[in-house]
Amino acid sequence: MPDGNVWTQILDRVKGEIDPQEFRRWFSGSSYASDSGDQLTVWVPSAADGRHISQNYHEPLQRALVALGRSDTLVRFVATDYSDDEEDE
């Protein structure tokens, strides 16, 4: 397996497909959380950031997953500012 976690590998591929300013704006605050094989969890600064990435960068993310042999993997964005469905106290 190449160096770095799968999210780093995905970002390396997506970076070449989108405007550098857009990449910095939407992806610089993201970070790898976990990888269960069929689901990759990524931390993002806010729920709005996660929604924006999912809606606007779905295709580049899917192409990166396919290229990495992970076409069946779901990318889940979890906001670090608060939790919608979990209590972290």
N, C-alpha and C. Protein backbone atom coordinates (compact mmCIF):
# COMPACT_ATOMS: atom_id res chain seq x y z
N MET A 1 0.85 -1.19 0.00
CA MET A 1 0.00 0.00 0.00
C MET A 1 0.89 1.25 0.00
N PRO A 2 0.53 2.24 -0.80
CA PRO A 2 1.34 3.46 -0.84
C PRO A 2 1.36 4.17 0.51
N ASP A 3 2.33 5.06 0.66
CA ASP A 3 2.45 5.80 1.92
C ASP A 3 1.21 6.64 2.17
N GLY A 4 0.91 6.87 3.44
CA GLY A 4 -0.20 7.72 3.82
C GLY A 4 -1.50 6.95 3.89
N ASN A 5 -2.45 7.51 4.60
CA ASN A 5 -3.76 6.87 4.69
C ASN A 5 -4.53 7.09 3.39
N VAL A 6 -5.64 6.40 3.26
CA VAL A 6 -6.40 6.45 2.01
C VAL A 6 -6.93 7.86 1.73
N TRP A 7 -7.27 8.64 2.76
CA TRP A 7 -7.75 10.00 2.52
C TRP A 7 -6.65 10.86 1.90
N THR A 8 -5.41 10.71 2.38
CA THR A 8 -4.28 11.44 1.79
C THR A 8 -4.11 11.05 0.33
N GLN A 9 -4.26 9.78 0.03
CA GLN A 9 -4.14 9.31 -1.35
C GLN A 9 -5.26 9.88 -2.22
N ILE A 10 -6.46 9.94 -1.67
CA ILE A 10 -7.59 10.53 -2.41
C ILE A 10 -7.33 12.01 -2.67
N LEU A 11 -6.88 12.72 -1.64
CA LEU A 11 -6.62 14.16 -1.79
C LEU A 11 -5.54 14.41 -2.84
N ASP A 12 -4.51 13.57 -2.88
CA ASP A 12 -3.46 13.73 -3.88
C ASP A 12 -4.04 13.65 -5.29
N ARG A 13 -5.03 12.80 -5.48
CA ARG A 13 -5.65 12.65 -6.81
C ARG A 13 -6.62 13.80 -7.11
N VAL A 14 -7.44 14.16 -6.13
CA VAL A 14 -8.44 15.22 -6.32
C VAL A 14 -7.76 16.57 -6.56
N LYS A 15 -6.64 16.78 -5.89
CA LYS A 15 -5.91 18.06 -5.99
C LYS A 15 -5.61 18.42 -7.44
N GLY A 16 -5.30 17.44 -8.26
CA GLY A 16 -4.99 17.68 -9.66
C GLY A 16 -6.19 17.97 -10.54
N GLU A 17 -7.39 17.75 -10.01
CA GLU A 17 -8.60 17.90 -10.81
C GLU A 17 -9.35 19.21 -10.58
N ILE A 18 -9.06 19.88 -9.47
CA ILE A 18 -9.83 21.08 -9.16
C ILE A 18 -8.91 22.29 -8.94
N ASP A 19 -9.51 23.46 -8.99
CA ASP A 19 -8.78 24.71 -8.80
C ASP A 19 -8.05 24.70 -7.46
N PRO A 20 -6.78 25.13 -7.44
CA PRO A 20 -6.01 25.11 -6.19
C PRO A 20 -6.67 25.89 -5.04
N GLN A 21 -7.28 27.03 -5.35
CA GLN A 21 -7.95 27.80 -4.30
C GLN A 21 -9.16 27.05 -3.75
N GLU A 22 -9.91 26.43 -4.64
CA GLU A 22 -11.06 25.63 -4.21
C GLU A 22 -10.59 24.45 -3.35
N PHE A 23 -9.53 23.81 -3.79
CA PHE A 23 -8.99 22.68 -3.03
C PHE A 23 -8.62 23.12 -1.62
N ARG A 24 -7.88 24.22 -1.52
CA ARG A 24 -7.49 24.72 -0.19
C ARG A 24 -8.71 25.06 0.65
N ARG A 25 -9.67 25.74 0.05
CA ARG A 25 -10.86 26.19 0.78
C ARG A 25 -11.64 25.01 1.37
N TRP A 26 -11.84 23.97 0.56
CA TRP A 26 -12.74 22.90 0.99
C TRP A 26 -12.04 21.69 1.59
N PHE A 27 -10.79 21.46 1.25
CA PHE A 27 -10.14 20.22 1.70
C PHE A 27 -9.05 20.42 2.74
N SER A 28 -8.53 21.65 2.90
CA SER A 28 -7.40 21.84 3.82
C SER A 28 -7.79 21.55 5.27
N GLY A 29 -9.05 21.76 5.62
CA GLY A 29 -9.49 21.51 6.98
C GLY A 29 -9.94 20.09 7.25
N SER A 30 -9.90 19.25 6.22
CA SER A 30 -10.35 17.87 6.39
C SER A 30 -9.20 17.00 6.88
N SER A 31 -9.55 15.94 7.58
CA SER A 31 -8.53 15.00 8.04
C SER A 31 -9.11 13.60 8.19
N TYR A 32 -8.24 12.64 8.03
CA TYR A 32 -8.60 11.23 8.15
C TYR A 32 -9.07 10.92 9.56
N ALA A 33 -10.19 10.20 9.68
CA ALA A 33 -10.68 9.77 10.99
C ALA A 33 -10.55 8.26 11.13
N SER A 34 -11.16 7.51 10.19
CA SER A 34 -11.08 6.05 10.25
C SER A 34 -11.45 5.43 8.91
N ASP A 35 -11.10 4.17 8.77
CA ASP A 35 -11.36 3.43 7.53
C ASP A 35 -11.76 2.01 7.91
N SER A 36 -13.03 1.68 7.69
CA SER A 36 -13.51 0.35 8.03
C SER A 36 -13.55 -0.57 6.81
N GLY A 37 -12.99 -0.11 5.70
CA GLY A 37 -13.01 -0.91 4.48
C GLY A 37 -14.12 -0.46 3.55
N ASP A 38 -15.37 -0.53 4.03
CA ASP A 38 -16.49 -0.09 3.18
C ASP A 38 -16.91 1.34 3.48
N GLN A 39 -16.35 1.93 4.55
CA GLN A 39 -16.66 3.32 4.87
C GLN A 39 -15.41 4.04 5.35
N LEU A 40 -15.15 5.17 4.72
CA LEU A 40 -14.04 6.03 5.11
C LEU A 40 -14.64 7.24 5.81
N THR A 41 -14.22 7.48 7.05
CA THR A 41 -14.73 8.62 7.81
C THR A 41 -13.68 9.72 7.81
N VAL A 42 -14.14 10.93 7.47
CA VAL A 42 -13.25 12.09 7.35
C VAL A 42 -13.79 13.21 8.21
N TRP A 43 -12.92 13.80 9.03
CA TRP A 43 -13.29 14.96 9.84
C TRP A 43 -13.30 16.20 8.95
N VAL A 44 -14.31 17.04 9.11
CA VAL A 44 -14.37 18.35 8.44
C VAL A 44 -14.75 19.39 9.49
N PRO A 45 -14.39 20.67 9.25
CA PRO A 45 -14.63 21.71 10.26
C PRO A 45 -16.11 21.90 10.63
N SER A 46 -17.01 21.73 9.66
CA SER A 46 -18.43 21.94 9.94
C SER A 46 -19.28 21.03 9.06
N ALA A 47 -20.52 20.84 9.48
CA ALA A 47 -21.45 20.03 8.69
C ALA A 47 -21.65 20.65 7.30
N ALA A 48 -21.66 21.99 7.24
CA ALA A 48 -21.83 22.68 5.95
C ALA A 48 -20.67 22.35 5.01
N ASP A 49 -19.45 22.28 5.56
CA ASP A 49 -18.30 21.90 4.73
C ASP A 49 -18.47 20.49 4.18
N GLY A 50 -18.89 19.58 5.03
CA GLY A 50 -19.10 18.19 4.59
C GLY A 50 -20.15 18.10 3.49
N ARG A 51 -21.25 18.85 3.66
CA ARG A 51 -22.30 18.85 2.63
C ARG A 51 -21.78 19.43 1.32
N HIS A 52 -21.03 20.53 1.41
CA HIS A 52 -20.51 21.16 0.20
C HIS A 52 -19.57 20.20 -0.54
N ILE A 53 -18.67 19.57 0.18
CA ILE A 53 -17.74 18.63 -0.46
C ILE A 53 -18.51 17.48 -1.10
N SER A 54 -19.47 16.91 -0.38
CA SER A 54 -20.26 15.79 -0.91
C SER A 54 -21.01 16.18 -2.18
N GLN A 55 -21.61 17.37 -2.17
CA GLN A 55 -22.43 17.79 -3.30
C GLN A 55 -21.60 18.25 -4.49
N ASN A 56 -20.50 18.93 -4.25
CA ASN A 56 -19.76 19.56 -5.33
C ASN A 56 -18.54 18.79 -5.82
N TYR A 57 -18.06 17.86 -5.02
CA TYR A 57 -16.85 17.13 -5.39
C TYR A 57 -17.05 15.62 -5.39
N HIS A 58 -18.30 15.20 -5.52
CA HIS A 58 -18.62 13.77 -5.52
C HIS A 58 -17.88 13.04 -6.65
N GLU A 59 -17.93 13.60 -7.86
CA GLU A 59 -17.31 12.92 -9.01
C GLU A 59 -15.79 12.76 -8.86
N PRO A 60 -15.05 13.83 -8.54
CA PRO A 60 -13.61 13.64 -8.35
C PRO A 60 -13.28 12.66 -7.22
N LEU A 61 -14.07 12.68 -6.16
CA LEU A 61 -13.84 11.74 -5.06
C LEU A 61 -14.08 10.31 -5.53
N GLN A 62 -15.16 10.10 -6.29
CA GLN A 62 -15.45 8.76 -6.80
C GLN A 62 -14.36 8.27 -7.75
N ARG A 63 -13.87 9.16 -8.62
CA ARG A 63 -12.79 8.77 -9.54
C ARG A 63 -11.55 8.36 -8.76
N ALA A 64 -11.24 9.09 -7.69
CA ALA A 64 -10.08 8.75 -6.87
C ALA A 64 -10.28 7.40 -6.20
N LEU A 65 -11.47 7.14 -5.68
CA LEU A 65 -11.75 5.86 -5.04
C LEU A 65 -11.61 4.71 -6.03
N VAL A 66 -12.15 4.89 -7.22
CA VAL A 66 -12.05 3.85 -8.26
C VAL A 66 -10.58 3.60 -8.59
N ALA A 67 -9.81 4.67 -8.76
CA ALA A 67 -8.39 4.54 -9.10
C ALA A 67 -7.62 3.79 -8.01
N LEU A 68 -8.09 3.92 -6.77
CA LEU A 68 -7.43 3.25 -5.65
C LEU A 68 -8.01 1.86 -5.37
N GLY A 69 -8.91 1.42 -6.23
CA GLY A 69 -9.51 0.11 -6.05
C GLY A 69 -10.53 0.08 -4.92
N ARG A 70 -11.13 1.23 -4.62
CA ARG A 70 -12.07 1.34 -3.50
C ARG A 70 -13.43 1.85 -3.99
N SER A 71 -13.88 1.40 -5.15
CA SER A 71 -15.11 1.94 -5.74
C SER A 71 -16.35 1.70 -4.88
N ASP A 72 -16.33 0.71 -3.99
CA ASP A 72 -17.48 0.43 -3.13
C ASP A 72 -17.41 1.13 -1.78
N THR A 73 -16.41 1.98 -1.59
CA THR A 73 -16.23 2.66 -0.31
C THR A 73 -17.05 3.93 -0.25
N LEU A 74 -17.79 4.10 0.84
CA LEU A 74 -18.55 5.31 1.10
C LEU A 74 -17.68 6.27 1.90
N VAL A 75 -17.64 7.54 1.47
CA VAL A 75 -16.92 8.56 2.24
C VAL A 75 -17.95 9.30 3.09
N ARG A 76 -17.72 9.28 4.39
CA ARG A 76 -18.62 9.92 5.35
C ARG A 76 -17.89 11.09 5.99
N PHE A 77 -18.51 12.28 5.93
CA PHE A 77 -17.91 13.47 6.51
C PHE A 77 -18.55 13.74 7.87
N VAL A 78 -17.72 13.93 8.89
CA VAL A 78 -18.20 14.19 10.24
C VAL A 78 -17.64 15.54 10.69
N ALA A 79 -18.54 16.42 11.12
CA ALA A 79 -18.14 17.75 11.55
C ALA A 79 -17.47 17.70 12.91
N THR A 80 -16.39 18.46 13.04
CA THR A 80 -15.69 18.52 14.32
C THR A 80 -16.22 19.64 15.21
N ASP A 81 -17.06 20.53 14.66
CA ASP A 81 -17.56 21.65 15.48
C ASP A 81 -18.66 21.20 16.43
N TYR A 82 -19.44 20.22 16.04
CA TYR A 82 -20.46 19.63 16.91
C TYR A 82 -20.91 18.33 16.26
N SER A 83 -21.68 17.56 16.99
CA SER A 83 -22.12 16.28 16.46
C SER A 83 -23.64 16.26 16.35
N ASP A 84 -24.13 15.88 15.19
CA ASP A 84 -25.57 15.81 14.98
C ASP A 84 -26.19 14.57 15.61
N ASP A 85 -25.44 13.47 15.58
CA ASP A 85 -26.05 12.19 15.96
C ASP A 85 -25.33 11.47 17.09
N GLU A 86 -24.33 12.09 17.67
CA GLU A 86 -23.59 11.45 18.75
C GLU A 86 -23.32 12.45 19.86
N GLU A 87 -23.31 11.99 21.06
CA GLU A 87 -22.97 12.83 22.19
C GLU A 87 -21.50 12.58 22.56
N ASP A 88 -20.68 13.59 22.45
CA ASP A 88 -19.26 13.47 22.79
C ASP A 88 -18.99 14.36 24.00
N GLU A 89 -19.12 13.81 25.18
CA GLU A 89 -18.91 14.61 26.38
C GLU A 89 -17.72 14.13 27.15
